[in-house]
């Protein structure tokens, strides 16, 4: 799976259903590229398109249970990899990482805000 596909699934998991135009902007790709990507992920059963109850002209891309499971599995694999690597650090290095956690959390929040843009 491409990084853009994985990032798109993670965005849908975090933010819920989105328009293709919104996903394209968030992921930094063109709308035609996102349309093609959504079509492939739809054929793979990871996403589905649904109508927007508030605007019948709009189609939203939604994560399926298979897509949500994929995101959870990837996240857990990342957690497991970090856990293994942290186990190889010295006590001082682990303490330094723990002290840096608030700043790292803030960086992640800033990055998420930047990728998702203004809330609608």
PDB file of N, CA and C in Angstrom:
ATOM      1  N   UNK A   1       0.851  -1.178   0.000  1.00  0.00           N
ATOM      2  CA  UNK A   1       0.000   0.000   0.000  1.00  0.00           C
ATOM      3  C   UNK A   1       0.894   1.238   0.000  1.00  0.00           C
ATOM      4  N   UNK A   2       0.510   2.226  -0.783  1.00  0.00           N
ATOM      5  CA  UNK A   2       1.301   3.457  -0.861  1.00  0.00           C
ATOM      6  C   UNK A   2       1.156   4.270   0.420  1.00  0.00           C
ATOM      7  N   UNK A   3       2.115   5.150   0.645  1.00  0.00           N
ATOM      8  CA  UNK A   3       2.046   6.037   1.811  1.00  0.00           C
ATOM      9  C   UNK A   3       0.817   6.936   1.739  1.00  0.00           C
ATOM     10  N   UNK A   4       0.458   7.393   0.546  1.00  0.00           N
ATOM     11  CA  UNK A   4      -0.720   8.248   0.401  1.00  0.00           C
ATOM     12  C   UNK A   4      -1.989   7.473   0.744  1.00  0.00           C
ATOM     13  N   UNK A   5      -2.063   6.218   0.333  1.00  0.00           N
ATOM     14  CA  UNK A   5      -3.224   5.396   0.677  1.00  0.00           C
ATOM     15  C   UNK A   5      -3.329   5.226   2.186  1.00  0.00           C
ATOM     16  N   UNK A   6      -2.212   4.870   2.809  1.00  0.00           N
ATOM     17  CA  UNK A   6      -2.204   4.678   4.262  1.00  0.00           C
ATOM     18  C   UNK A   6      -2.541   5.974   4.987  1.00  0.00           C
ATOM     19  N   UNK A   7      -1.996   7.090   4.514  1.00  0.00           N
ATOM     20  CA  UNK A   7      -2.284   8.384   5.137  1.00  0.00           C
ATOM     21  C   UNK A   7      -3.749   8.756   4.964  1.00  0.00           C
ATOM     22  N   UNK A   8      -4.321   8.456   3.813  1.00  0.00           N
ATOM     23  CA  UNK A   8      -5.734   8.751   3.559  1.00  0.00           C
ATOM     24  C   UNK A   8      -6.627   7.934   4.492  1.00  0.00           C
ATOM     25  N   UNK A   9      -6.302   6.661   4.658  1.00  0.00           N
ATOM     26  CA  UNK A   9      -7.078   5.826   5.588  1.00  0.00           C
ATOM     27  C   UNK A   9      -6.962   6.365   7.014  1.00  0.00           C
ATOM     28  N   UNK A  10      -5.764   6.772   7.411  1.00  0.00           N
ATOM     29  CA  UNK A  10      -5.573   7.321   8.756  1.00  0.00           C
ATOM     30  C   UNK A  10      -6.350   8.622   8.936  1.00  0.00           C
ATOM     31  N   UNK A  11      -6.387   9.452   7.905  1.00  0.00           N
ATOM     32  CA  UNK A  11      -7.164  10.700   7.965  1.00  0.00           C
ATOM     33  C   UNK A  11      -8.643  10.391   8.148  1.00  0.00           C
ATOM     34  N   UNK A  12      -9.159   9.446   7.382  1.00  0.00           N
ATOM     35  CA  UNK A  12     -10.568   9.069   7.513  1.00  0.00           C
ATOM     36  C   UNK A  12     -10.852   8.495   8.895  1.00  0.00           C
ATOM     37  N   UNK A  13      -9.906   7.755   9.443  1.00  0.00           N
ATOM     38  CA  UNK A  13     -10.077   7.192  10.782  1.00  0.00           C
ATOM     39  C   UNK A  13     -10.137   8.300  11.833  1.00  0.00           C
ATOM     40  N   UNK A  14      -9.283   9.308  11.689  1.00  0.00           N
ATOM     41  CA  UNK A  14      -9.233  10.418  12.658  1.00  0.00           C
ATOM     42  C   UNK A  14     -10.400  11.387  12.517  1.00  0.00           C
ATOM     43  N   UNK A  15     -10.786  11.667  11.273  1.00  0.00           N
ATOM     44  CA  UNK A  15     -11.721  12.773  11.036  1.00  0.00           C
ATOM     45  C   UNK A  15     -13.115  12.346  10.622  1.00  0.00           C
ATOM     46  N   UNK A  16     -13.269  11.075  10.242  1.00  0.00           N
ATOM     47  CA  UNK A  16     -14.560  10.633   9.755  1.00  0.00           C
ATOM     48  C   UNK A  16     -14.696  10.874   8.261  1.00  0.00           C
ATOM     49  N   UNK A  17     -15.889  10.631   7.718  1.00  0.00           N
ATOM     50  CA  UNK A  17     -16.114  10.748   6.273  1.00  0.00           C
ATOM     51  C   UNK A  17     -15.732  12.121   5.739  1.00  0.00           C
ATOM     52  N   UNK A  18     -15.145  12.116   4.528  1.00  0.00           N
ATOM     53  CA  UNK A  18     -14.710  13.363   3.898  1.00  0.00           C
ATOM     54  C   UNK A  18     -15.027  13.332   2.414  1.00  0.00           C
ATOM     55  N   UNK A  19     -15.130  14.517   1.834  1.00  0.00           N
ATOM     56  CA  UNK A  19     -15.260  14.647   0.382  1.00  0.00           C
ATOM     57  C   UNK A  19     -13.911  14.336  -0.262  1.00  0.00           C
ATOM     58  N   UNK A  20     -13.948  13.888  -1.491  1.00  0.00           N
ATOM     59  CA  UNK A  20     -12.704  13.614  -2.216  1.00  0.00           C
ATOM     60  C   UNK A  20     -11.868  14.883  -2.329  1.00  0.00           C
ATOM     61  N   UNK A  21     -12.492  16.011  -2.583  1.00  0.00           N
ATOM     62  CA  UNK A  21     -11.735  17.265  -2.692  1.00  0.00           C
ATOM     63  C   UNK A  21     -11.022  17.587  -1.381  1.00  0.00           C
ATOM     64  N   UNK A  22     -11.670  17.343  -0.249  1.00  0.00           N
ATOM     65  CA  UNK A  22     -11.037  17.578   1.053  1.00  0.00           C
ATOM     66  C   UNK A  22      -9.857  16.636   1.255  1.00  0.00           C
ATOM     67  N   UNK A  23     -10.067  15.363   0.929  1.00  0.00           N
ATOM     68  CA  UNK A  23      -8.979  14.387   1.084  1.00  0.00           C
ATOM     69  C   UNK A  23      -7.791  14.749   0.205  1.00  0.00           C
ATOM     70  N   UNK A  24      -8.056  15.185  -1.020  1.00  0.00           N
ATOM     71  CA  UNK A  24      -6.969  15.570  -1.925  1.00  0.00           C
ATOM     72  C   UNK A  24      -6.164  16.722  -1.328  1.00  0.00           C
ATOM     73  N   UNK A  25      -6.863  17.711  -0.781  1.00  0.00           N
ATOM     74  CA  UNK A  25      -6.170  18.858  -0.188  1.00  0.00           C
ATOM     75  C   UNK A  25      -5.354  18.438   1.027  1.00  0.00           C
ATOM     76  N   UNK A  26      -5.943  17.623   1.887  1.00  0.00           N
ATOM     77  CA  UNK A  26      -5.260  17.187   3.108  1.00  0.00           C
ATOM     78  C   UNK A  26      -4.013  16.375   2.771  1.00  0.00           C
ATOM     79  N   UNK A  27      -4.119  15.502   1.784  1.00  0.00           N
ATOM     80  CA  UNK A  27      -3.009  14.614   1.446  1.00  0.00           C
ATOM     81  C   UNK A  27      -2.035  15.226   0.434  1.00  0.00           C
ATOM     82  N   UNK A  28      -2.368  16.405  -0.081  1.00  0.00           N
ATOM     83  CA  UNK A  28      -1.462  17.093  -0.988  1.00  0.00           C
ATOM     84  C   UNK A  28      -1.350  16.465  -2.367  1.00  0.00           C
ATOM     85  N   UNK A  29      -2.477  15.953  -2.872  1.00  0.00           N
ATOM     86  CA  UNK A  29      -2.507  15.380  -4.217  1.00  0.00           C
ATOM     87  C   UNK A  29      -3.626  16.054  -5.006  1.00  0.00           C
ATOM     88  N   UNK A  30      -3.652  15.813  -6.304  1.00  0.00           N
ATOM     89  CA  UNK A  30      -4.707  16.390  -7.132  1.00  0.00           C
ATOM     90  C   UNK A  30      -6.013  15.631  -6.902  1.00  0.00           C
ATOM     91  N   UNK A  31      -7.110  16.288  -7.252  1.00  0.00           N
ATOM     92  CA  UNK A  31      -8.404  15.628  -7.120  1.00  0.00           C
ATOM     93  C   UNK A  31      -8.496  14.389  -8.010  1.00  0.00           C
ATOM     94  N   UNK A  32      -8.026  14.436  -9.274  1.00  0.00           N
ATOM     95  CA  UNK A  32      -8.078  13.210 -10.089  1.00  0.00           C
ATOM     96  C   UNK A  32      -7.249  12.070  -9.474  1.00  0.00           C
ATOM     97  N   UNK A  33      -6.102  12.409  -8.888  1.00  0.00           N
ATOM     98  CA  UNK A  33      -5.283  11.365  -8.257  1.00  0.00           C
ATOM     99  C   UNK A  33      -6.011  10.768  -7.051  1.00  0.00           C
ATOM    100  N   UNK A  34      -6.668  11.617  -6.257  1.00  0.00           N
ATOM    101  CA  UNK A  34      -7.400  11.106  -5.096  1.00  0.00           C
ATOM    102  C   UNK A  34      -8.597  10.276  -5.550  1.00  0.00           C
ATOM    103  N   UNK A  35      -9.256  10.696  -6.606  1.00  0.00           N
ATOM    104  CA  UNK A  35     -10.387   9.923  -7.131  1.00  0.00           C
ATOM    105  C   UNK A  35      -9.931   8.520  -7.530  1.00  0.00           C
ATOM    106  N   UNK A  36      -8.795   8.440  -8.207  1.00  0.00           N
ATOM    107  CA  UNK A  36      -8.261   7.132  -8.611  1.00  0.00           C
ATOM    108  C   UNK A  36      -7.862   6.312  -7.387  1.00  0.00           C
ATOM    109  N   UNK A  37      -7.244   6.952  -6.409  1.00  0.00           N
ATOM    110  CA  UNK A  37      -6.840   6.263  -5.189  1.00  0.00           C
ATOM    111  C   UNK A  37      -8.051   5.727  -4.430  1.00  0.00           C
ATOM    112  N   UNK A  38      -9.088   6.553  -4.317  1.00  0.00           N
ATOM    113  CA  UNK A  38     -10.314   6.125  -3.632  1.00  0.00           C
ATOM    114  C   UNK A  38     -10.943   4.946  -4.376  1.00  0.00           C
ATOM    115  N   UNK A  39     -10.925   4.978  -5.690  1.00  0.00           N
ATOM    116  CA  UNK A  39     -11.490   3.878  -6.475  1.00  0.00           C
ATOM    117  C   UNK A  39     -10.750   2.568  -6.169  1.00  0.00           C
ATOM    118  N   UNK A  40      -9.418   2.625  -6.093  1.00  0.00           N
ATOM    119  CA  UNK A  40      -8.632   1.420  -5.792  1.00  0.00           C
ATOM    120  C   UNK A  40      -8.931   0.942  -4.367  1.00  0.00           C
ATOM    121  N   UNK A  41      -8.982   1.868  -3.419  1.00  0.00           N
ATOM    122  CA  UNK A  41      -9.261   1.477  -2.032  1.00  0.00           C
ATOM    123  C   UNK A  41     -10.691   0.961  -1.886  1.00  0.00           C
ATOM    124  N   UNK A  42     -11.595   1.501  -2.683  1.00  0.00           N
ATOM    125  CA  UNK A  42     -12.980   1.031  -2.675  1.00  0.00           C
ATOM    126  C   UNK A  42     -13.050  -0.402  -3.209  1.00  0.00           C
ATOM    127  N   UNK A  43     -12.334  -0.668  -4.286  1.00  0.00           N
ATOM    128  CA  UNK A  43     -12.301  -2.017  -4.859  1.00  0.00           C
ATOM    129  C   UNK A  43     -11.660  -3.010  -3.890  1.00  0.00           C
ATOM    130  N   UNK A  44     -10.771  -2.520  -3.032  1.00  0.00           N
ATOM    131  CA  UNK A  44     -10.115  -3.375  -2.032  1.00  0.00           C
ATOM    132  C   UNK A  44     -10.961  -3.539  -0.772  1.00  0.00           C
ATOM    133  N   UNK A  45     -12.087  -2.830  -0.709  1.00  0.00           N
ATOM    134  CA  UNK A  45     -12.976  -2.948   0.435  1.00  0.00           C
ATOM    135  C   UNK A  45     -12.562  -2.126   1.645  1.00  0.00           C
ATOM    136  N   UNK A  46     -11.636  -1.182   1.465  1.00  0.00           N
ATOM    137  CA  UNK A  46     -11.151  -0.380   2.589  1.00  0.00           C
ATOM    138  C   UNK A  46     -11.981   0.880   2.828  1.00  0.00           C
ATOM    139  N   UNK A  47     -12.610   1.392   1.778  1.00  0.00           N
ATOM    140  CA  UNK A  47     -13.473   2.570   1.889  1.00  0.00           C
ATOM    141  C   UNK A  47     -14.737   2.333   1.078  1.00  0.00           C
ATOM    142  N   UNK A  48     -15.728   3.165   1.334  1.00  0.00           N
ATOM    143  CA  UNK A  48     -16.945   3.153   0.530  1.00  0.00           C
ATOM    144  C   UNK A  48     -17.418   4.586   0.368  1.00  0.00           C
ATOM    145  N   UNK A  49     -18.203   4.803  -0.659  1.00  0.00           N
ATOM    146  CA  UNK A  49     -18.778   6.134  -0.889  1.00  0.00           C
ATOM    147  C   UNK A  49     -20.221   6.120  -0.420  1.00  0.00           C
ATOM    148  N   UNK A  50     -20.588   7.205   0.257  1.00  0.00           N
ATOM    149  CA  UNK A  50     -21.964   7.356   0.741  1.00  0.00           C
ATOM    150  C   UNK A  50     -22.425   8.778   0.449  1.00  0.00           C
ATOM    151  N   UNK A  51     -23.717   8.922   0.317  1.00  0.00           N
ATOM    152  CA  UNK A  51     -24.285  10.254   0.156  1.00  0.00           C
ATOM    153  C   UNK A  51     -24.236  11.020   1.467  1.00  0.00           C
ATOM    154  N   UNK A  52     -24.187  12.334   1.364  1.00  0.00           N
ATOM    155  CA  UNK A  52     -24.192  13.208   2.530  1.00  0.00           C
ATOM    156  C   UNK A  52     -25.644  13.571   2.837  1.00  0.00           C
ATOM    157  N   UNK A  53     -26.110  13.222   4.022  1.00  0.00           N
ATOM    158  CA  UNK A  53     -27.501  13.479   4.400  1.00  0.00           C
ATOM    159  C   UNK A  53     -27.831  14.964   4.378  1.00  0.00           C
ATOM    160  N   UNK A  54     -26.833  15.819   4.641  1.00  0.00           N
ATOM    161  CA  UNK A  54     -27.102  17.258   4.699  1.00  0.00           C
ATOM    162  C   UNK A  54     -27.064  17.926   3.325  1.00  0.00           C
ATOM    163  N   UNK A  55     -26.485  17.254   2.322  1.00  0.00           N
ATOM    164  CA  UNK A  55     -26.404  17.812   0.978  1.00  0.00           C
ATOM    165  C   UNK A  55     -26.396  16.647  -0.011  1.00  0.00           C
ATOM    166  N   UNK A  56     -27.507  16.407  -0.635  1.00  0.00           N
ATOM    167  CA  UNK A  56     -27.674  15.253  -1.521  1.00  0.00           C
ATOM    168  C   UNK A  56     -26.743  15.279  -2.734  1.00  0.00           C
ATOM    169  N   UNK A  57     -26.157  16.431  -3.031  1.00  0.00           N
ATOM    170  CA  UNK A  57     -25.240  16.515  -4.175  1.00  0.00           C
ATOM    171  C   UNK A  57     -23.852  15.988  -3.838  1.00  0.00           C
ATOM    172  N   UNK A  58     -23.570  15.806  -2.562  1.00  0.00           N
ATOM    173  CA  UNK A  58     -22.228  15.469  -2.095  1.00  0.00           C
ATOM    174  C   UNK A  58     -22.091  13.974  -1.834  1.00  0.00           C
ATOM    175  N   UNK A  59     -20.944  13.439  -2.213  1.00  0.00           N
ATOM    176  CA  UNK A  59     -20.588  12.065  -1.886  1.00  0.00           C
ATOM    177  C   UNK A  59     -19.414  12.106  -0.920  1.00  0.00           C
ATOM    178  N   UNK A  60     -19.513  11.326   0.146  1.00  0.00           N
ATOM    179  CA  UNK A  60     -18.453  11.256   1.142  1.00  0.00           C
ATOM    180  C   UNK A  60     -17.740   9.913   1.038  1.00  0.00           C
ATOM    181  N   UNK A  61     -16.445   9.929   1.306  1.00  0.00           N
ATOM    182  CA  UNK A  61     -15.655   8.712   1.377  1.00  0.00           C
ATOM    183  C   UNK A  61     -15.607   8.303   2.839  1.00  0.00           C
ATOM    184  N   UNK A  62     -15.982   7.054   3.115  1.00  0.00           N
ATOM    185  CA  UNK A  62     -16.061   6.542   4.486  1.00  0.00           C
ATOM    186  C   UNK A  62     -15.174   5.313   4.624  1.00  0.00           C
ATOM    187  N   UNK A  63     -14.600   5.169   5.780  1.00  0.00           N
ATOM    188  CA  UNK A  63     -13.800   3.991   6.102  1.00  0.00           C
ATOM    189  C   UNK A  63     -14.733   2.811   6.356  1.00  0.00           C
ATOM    190  N   UNK A  64     -14.404   1.661   5.796  1.00  0.00           N
ATOM    191  CA  UNK A  64     -15.158   0.441   6.093  1.00  0.00           C
ATOM    192  C   UNK A  64     -14.537  -0.209   7.331  1.00  0.00           C
ATOM    193  N   UNK A  65     -15.164  -1.259   7.818  1.00  0.00           N
ATOM    194  CA  UNK A  65     -14.577  -1.982   8.960  1.00  0.00           C
ATOM    195  C   UNK A  65     -13.221  -2.556   8.576  1.00  0.00           C
ATOM    196  N   UNK A  66     -13.084  -3.038   7.337  1.00  0.00           N
ATOM    197  CA  UNK A  66     -11.789  -3.560   6.882  1.00  0.00           C
ATOM    198  C   UNK A  66     -10.736  -2.458   6.862  1.00  0.00           C
ATOM    199  N   UNK A  67     -11.136  -1.262   6.454  1.00  0.00           N
ATOM    200  CA  UNK A  67     -10.208  -0.132   6.445  1.00  0.00           C
ATOM    201  C   UNK A  67      -9.805   0.267   7.852  1.00  0.00           C
ATOM    202  N   UNK A  68     -10.777   0.300   8.753  1.00  0.00           N
ATOM    203  CA  UNK A  68     -10.481   0.645  10.152  1.00  0.00           C
ATOM    204  C   UNK A  68      -9.564  -0.407  10.773  1.00  0.00           C
ATOM    205  N   UNK A  69      -9.793  -1.664  10.449  1.00  0.00           N
ATOM    206  CA  UNK A  69      -8.947  -2.745  10.954  1.00  0.00           C
ATOM    207  C   UNK A  69      -7.520  -2.603  10.431  1.00  0.00           C
ATOM    208  N   UNK A  70      -7.386  -2.237   9.169  1.00  0.00           N
ATOM    209  CA  UNK A  70      -6.066  -2.029   8.585  1.00  0.00           C
ATOM    210  C   UNK A  70      -5.322  -0.925   9.322  1.00  0.00           C
ATOM    211  N   UNK A  71      -6.007   0.200   9.587  1.00  0.00           N
ATOM    212  CA  UNK A  71      -5.385   1.321  10.299  1.00  0.00           C
ATOM    213  C   UNK A  71      -4.950   0.868  11.695  1.00  0.00           C
ATOM    214  N   UNK A  72      -5.816   0.161  12.406  1.00  0.00           N
ATOM    215  CA  UNK A  72      -5.465  -0.312  13.761  1.00  0.00           C
ATOM    216  C   UNK A  72      -4.250  -1.238  13.717  1.00  0.00           C
ATOM    217  N   UNK A  73      -4.209  -2.128  12.732  1.00  0.00           N
ATOM    218  CA  UNK A  73      -3.095  -3.069  12.608  1.00  0.00           C
ATOM    219  C   UNK A  73      -1.785  -2.346  12.341  1.00  0.00           C
ATOM    220  N   UNK A  74      -1.816  -1.352  11.452  1.00  0.00           N
ATOM    221  CA  UNK A  74      -0.602  -0.563  11.162  1.00  0.00           C
ATOM    222  C   UNK A  74      -0.135   0.193  12.388  1.00  0.00           C
ATOM    223  N   UNK A  75      -1.069   0.793  13.098  1.00  0.00           N
ATOM    224  CA  UNK A  75      -0.689   1.539  14.301  1.00  0.00           C
ATOM    225  C   UNK A  75      -0.076   0.614  15.342  1.00  0.00           C
ATOM    226  N   UNK A  76      -0.664  -0.555  15.526  1.00  0.00           N
ATOM    227  CA  UNK A  76      -0.127  -1.498  16.507  1.00  0.00           C
ATOM    228  C   UNK A  76       1.262  -1.972  16.100  1.00  0.00           C
ATOM    229  N   UNK A  77       1.483  -2.175  14.807  1.00  0.00           N
ATOM    230  CA  UNK A  77       2.809  -2.580  14.332  1.00  0.00           C
ATOM    231  C   UNK A  77       3.833  -1.494  14.652  1.00  0.00           C
ATOM    232  N   UNK A  78       3.429  -0.234  14.489  1.00  0.00           N
ATOM    233  CA  UNK A  78       4.320   0.872  14.832  1.00  0.00           C
ATOM    234  C   UNK A  78       4.632   0.912  16.315  1.00  0.00           C
ATOM    235  N   UNK A  79       3.608   0.704  17.132  1.00  0.00           N
ATOM    236  CA  UNK A  79       3.790   0.675  18.585  1.00  0.00           C
ATOM    237  C   UNK A  79       4.749  -0.447  18.960  1.00  0.00           C
ATOM    238  N   UNK A  80       4.546  -1.625  18.379  1.00  0.00           N
ATOM    239  CA  UNK A  80       5.407  -2.762  18.683  1.00  0.00           C
ATOM    240  C   UNK A  80       6.860  -2.495  18.299  1.00  0.00           C
ATOM    241  N   UNK A  81       7.064  -1.848  17.140  1.00  0.00           N
ATOM    242  CA  UNK A  81       8.427  -1.540  16.687  1.00  0.00           C
ATOM    243  C   UNK A  81       9.093  -0.548  17.645  1.00  0.00           C
ATOM    244  N   UNK A  82       8.369   0.497  18.034  1.00  0.00           N
ATOM    245  CA  UNK A  82       8.943   1.469  18.972  1.00  0.00           C
ATOM    246  C   UNK A  82       9.219   0.827  20.325  1.00  0.00           C
ATOM    247  N   UNK A  83       8.319  -0.023  20.775  1.00  0.00           N
ATOM    248  CA  UNK A  83       8.502  -0.694  22.058  1.00  0.00           C
ATOM    249  C   UNK A  83       9.793  -1.517  22.056  1.00  0.00           C
ATOM    250  N   UNK A  84      10.004  -2.239  20.968  1.00  0.00           N
ATOM    251  CA  UNK A  84      11.216  -3.054  20.845  1.00  0.00           C
ATOM    252  C   UNK A  84      12.460  -2.171  20.834  1.00  0.00           C
ATOM    253  N   UNK A  85      12.423  -1.088  20.077  1.00  0.00           N
ATOM    254  CA  UNK A  85      13.577  -0.202  19.975  1.00  0.00           C
ATOM    255  C   UNK A  85      13.854   0.532  21.286  1.00  0.00           C
ATOM    256  N   UNK A  86      12.810   0.976  21.955  1.00  0.00           N
ATOM    257  CA  UNK A  86      12.990   1.664  23.239  1.00  0.00           C
ATOM    258  C   UNK A  86      13.610   0.717  24.252  1.00  0.00           C
ATOM    259  N   UNK A  87      13.281  -0.558  24.155  1.00  0.00           N
ATOM    260  CA  UNK A  87      13.869  -1.554  25.048  1.00  0.00           C
ATOM    261  C   UNK A  87      15.384  -1.668  24.906  1.00  0.00           C
ATOM    262  N   UNK A  88      15.918  -1.176  23.806  1.00  0.00           N
ATOM    263  CA  UNK A  88      17.366  -1.230  23.571  1.00  0.00           C
ATOM    264  C   UNK A  88      18.091   0.025  24.055  1.00  0.00           C
ATOM    265  N   UNK A  89      17.344   1.030  24.542  1.00  0.00           N
ATOM    266  CA  UNK A  89      17.965   2.266  25.013  1.00  0.00           C
ATOM    267  C   UNK A  89      18.453   2.132  26.452  1.00  0.00           C
ATOM    268  N   UNK A  90      19.370   3.023  26.803  1.00  0.00           N
ATOM    269  CA  UNK A  90      19.830   3.080  28.197  1.00  0.00           C
ATOM    270  C   UNK A  90      18.771   3.765  29.047  1.00  0.00           C
ATOM    271  N   UNK A  91      18.887   3.649  30.347  1.00  0.00           N
ATOM    272  CA  UNK A  91      17.953   4.307  31.260  1.00  0.00           C
ATOM    273  C   UNK A  91      17.924   5.814  31.066  1.00  0.00           C
ATOM    274  N   UNK A  92      19.093   6.433  30.874  1.00  0.00           N
ATOM    275  CA  UNK A  92      19.159   7.879  30.650  1.00  0.00           C
ATOM    276  C   UNK A  92      18.453   8.275  29.358  1.00  0.00           C
ATOM    277  N   UNK A  93      18.610   7.455  28.335  1.00  0.00           N
ATOM    278  CA  UNK A  93      17.958   7.753  27.055  1.00  0.00           C
ATOM    279  C   UNK A  93      16.439   7.632  27.172  1.00  0.00           C
ATOM    280  N   UNK A  94      15.968   6.645  27.910  1.00  0.00           N
ATOM    281  CA  UNK A  94      14.523   6.490  28.131  1.00  0.00           C
ATOM    282  C   UNK A  94      13.988   7.700  28.900  1.00  0.00           C
ATOM    283  N   UNK A  95      14.713   8.153  29.911  1.00  0.00           N
ATOM    284  CA  UNK A  95      14.302   9.344  30.671  1.00  0.00           C
ATOM    285  C   UNK A  95      14.259  10.573  29.774  1.00  0.00           C
ATOM    286  N   UNK A  96      15.232  10.717  28.892  1.00  0.00           N
ATOM    287  CA  UNK A  96      15.249  11.862  27.968  1.00  0.00           C
ATOM    288  C   UNK A  96      14.037  11.815  27.044  1.00  0.00           C
ATOM    289  N   UNK A  97      13.700  10.632  26.562  1.00  0.00           N
ATOM    290  CA  UNK A  97      12.508  10.491  25.714  1.00  0.00           C
ATOM    291  C   UNK A  97      11.246  10.856  26.483  1.00  0.00           C
ATOM    292  N   UNK A  98      11.144  10.375  27.708  1.00  0.00           N
ATOM    293  CA  UNK A  98       9.965  10.670  28.531  1.00  0.00           C
ATOM    294  C   UNK A  98       9.837  12.174  28.763  1.00  0.00           C
ATOM    295  N   UNK A  99      10.955  12.834  28.984  1.00  0.00           N
ATOM    296  CA  UNK A  99      10.927  14.288  29.206  1.00  0.00           C
ATOM    297  C   UNK A  99      10.503  15.037  27.941  1.00  0.00           C
ATOM    298  N   UNK A 100      10.793  14.457  26.786  1.00  0.00           N
ATOM    299  CA  UNK A 100      10.461  15.115  25.518  1.00  0.00           C
ATOM    300  C   UNK A 100       9.027  14.846  25.066  1.00  0.00           C
ATOM    301  N   UNK A 101       8.310  13.949  25.714  1.00  0.00           N
ATOM    302  CA  UNK A 101       6.970  13.570  25.258  1.00  0.00           C
ATOM    303  C   UNK A 101       5.998  14.737  25.118  1.00  0.00           C
ATOM    304  N   UNK A 102       5.936  15.684  26.068  1.00  0.00           N
ATOM    305  CA  UNK A 102       4.999  16.804  25.868  1.00  0.00           C
ATOM    306  C   UNK A 102       5.293  17.601  24.592  1.00  0.00           C
ATOM    307  N   UNK A 103       6.561  17.844  24.305  1.00  0.00           N
ATOM    308  CA  UNK A 103       6.905  18.592  23.096  1.00  0.00           C
ATOM    309  C   UNK A 103       6.578  17.776  21.845  1.00  0.00           C
ATOM    310  N   UNK A 104       6.834  16.468  21.876  1.00  0.00           N
ATOM    311  CA  UNK A 104       6.515  15.613  20.734  1.00  0.00           C
ATOM    312  C   UNK A 104       5.009  15.550  20.497  1.00  0.00           C
ATOM    313  N   UNK A 105       4.246  15.489  21.576  1.00  0.00           N
ATOM    314  CA  UNK A 105       2.785  15.478  21.448  1.00  0.00           C
ATOM    315  C   UNK A 105       2.305  16.775  20.801  1.00  0.00           C
ATOM    316  N   UNK A 106       2.870  17.893  21.224  1.00  0.00           N
ATOM    317  CA  UNK A 106       2.487  19.184  20.649  1.00  0.00           C
ATOM    318  C   UNK A 106       2.842  19.230  19.161  1.00  0.00           C
ATOM    319  N   UNK A 107       4.016  18.716  18.791  1.00  0.00           N
ATOM    320  CA  UNK A 107       4.385  18.665  17.372  1.00  0.00           C
ATOM    321  C   UNK A 107       3.381  17.849  16.568  1.00  0.00           C
ATOM    322  N   UNK A 108       2.968  16.708  17.105  1.00  0.00           N
ATOM    323  CA  UNK A 108       1.987  15.869  16.402  1.00  0.00           C
ATOM    324  C   UNK A 108       0.667  16.608  16.235  1.00  0.00           C
ATOM    325  N   UNK A 109       0.253  17.345  17.259  1.00  0.00           N
ATOM    326  CA  UNK A 109      -0.992  18.114  17.161  1.00  0.00           C
ATOM    327  C   UNK A 109      -0.882  19.196  16.102  1.00  0.00           C
ATOM    328  N   UNK A 110       0.259  19.880  16.056  1.00  0.00           N
ATOM    329  CA  UNK A 110       0.462  20.920  15.046  1.00  0.00           C
ATOM    330  C   UNK A 110       0.457  20.337  13.642  1.00  0.00           C
ATOM    331  N   UNK A 111       1.088  19.182  13.479  1.00  0.00           N
ATOM    332  CA  UNK A 111       1.136  18.543  12.175  1.00  0.00           C
ATOM    333  C   UNK A 111      -0.260  18.129  11.739  1.00  0.00           C
ATOM    334  N   UNK A 112      -1.053  17.587  12.646  1.00  0.00           N
ATOM    335  CA  UNK A 112      -2.422  17.169  12.328  1.00  0.00           C
ATOM    336  C   UNK A 112      -3.253  18.372  11.920  1.00  0.00           C
ATOM    337  N   UNK A 113      -3.124  19.468  12.653  1.00  0.00           N
ATOM    338  CA  UNK A 113      -3.873  20.686  12.315  1.00  0.00           C
ATOM    339  C   UNK A 113      -3.478  21.186  10.948  1.00  0.00           C
ATOM    340  N   UNK A 114      -2.173  21.135  10.644  1.00  0.00           N
ATOM    341  CA  UNK A 114      -1.682  21.608   9.366  1.00  0.00           C
ATOM    342  C   UNK A 114      -2.204  20.740   8.225  1.00  0.00           C
ATOM    343  N   UNK A 115      -2.205  19.416   8.413  1.00  0.00           N
ATOM    344  CA  UNK A 115      -2.666  18.489   7.367  1.00  0.00           C
ATOM    345  C   UNK A 115      -4.164  18.572   7.155  1.00  0.00           C
ATOM    346  N   UNK A 116      -4.919  18.747   8.223  1.00  0.00           N
ATOM    347  CA  UNK A 116      -6.377  18.722   8.111  1.00  0.00           C
ATOM    348  C   UNK A 116      -6.959  20.076   7.752  1.00  0.00           C
ATOM    349  N   UNK A 117      -6.203  21.128   7.948  1.00  0.00           N
ATOM    350  CA  UNK A 117      -6.705  22.459   7.646  1.00  0.00           C
ATOM    351  C   UNK A 117      -7.759  22.890   8.633  1.00  0.00           C
ATOM    352  N   UNK A 118      -8.423  23.999   8.366  1.00  0.00           N
ATOM    353  CA  UNK A 118      -9.435  24.500   9.286  1.00  0.00           C
ATOM    354  C   UNK A 118     -10.609  23.543   9.419  1.00  0.00           C
ATOM    355  N   UNK A 119     -11.131  23.453  10.627  1.00  0.00           N
ATOM    356  CA  UNK A 119     -12.314  22.611  10.878  1.00  0.00           C
ATOM    357  C   UNK A 119     -13.529  23.230  10.210  1.00  0.00           C
ATOM    358  N   UNK A 120     -14.399  22.357   9.680  1.00  0.00           N
ATOM    359  CA  UNK A 120     -15.607  22.854   9.013  1.00  0.00           C
ATOM    360  C   UNK A 120     -16.787  22.823   9.936  1.00  0.00           C
TER     361      UNK A 120
END
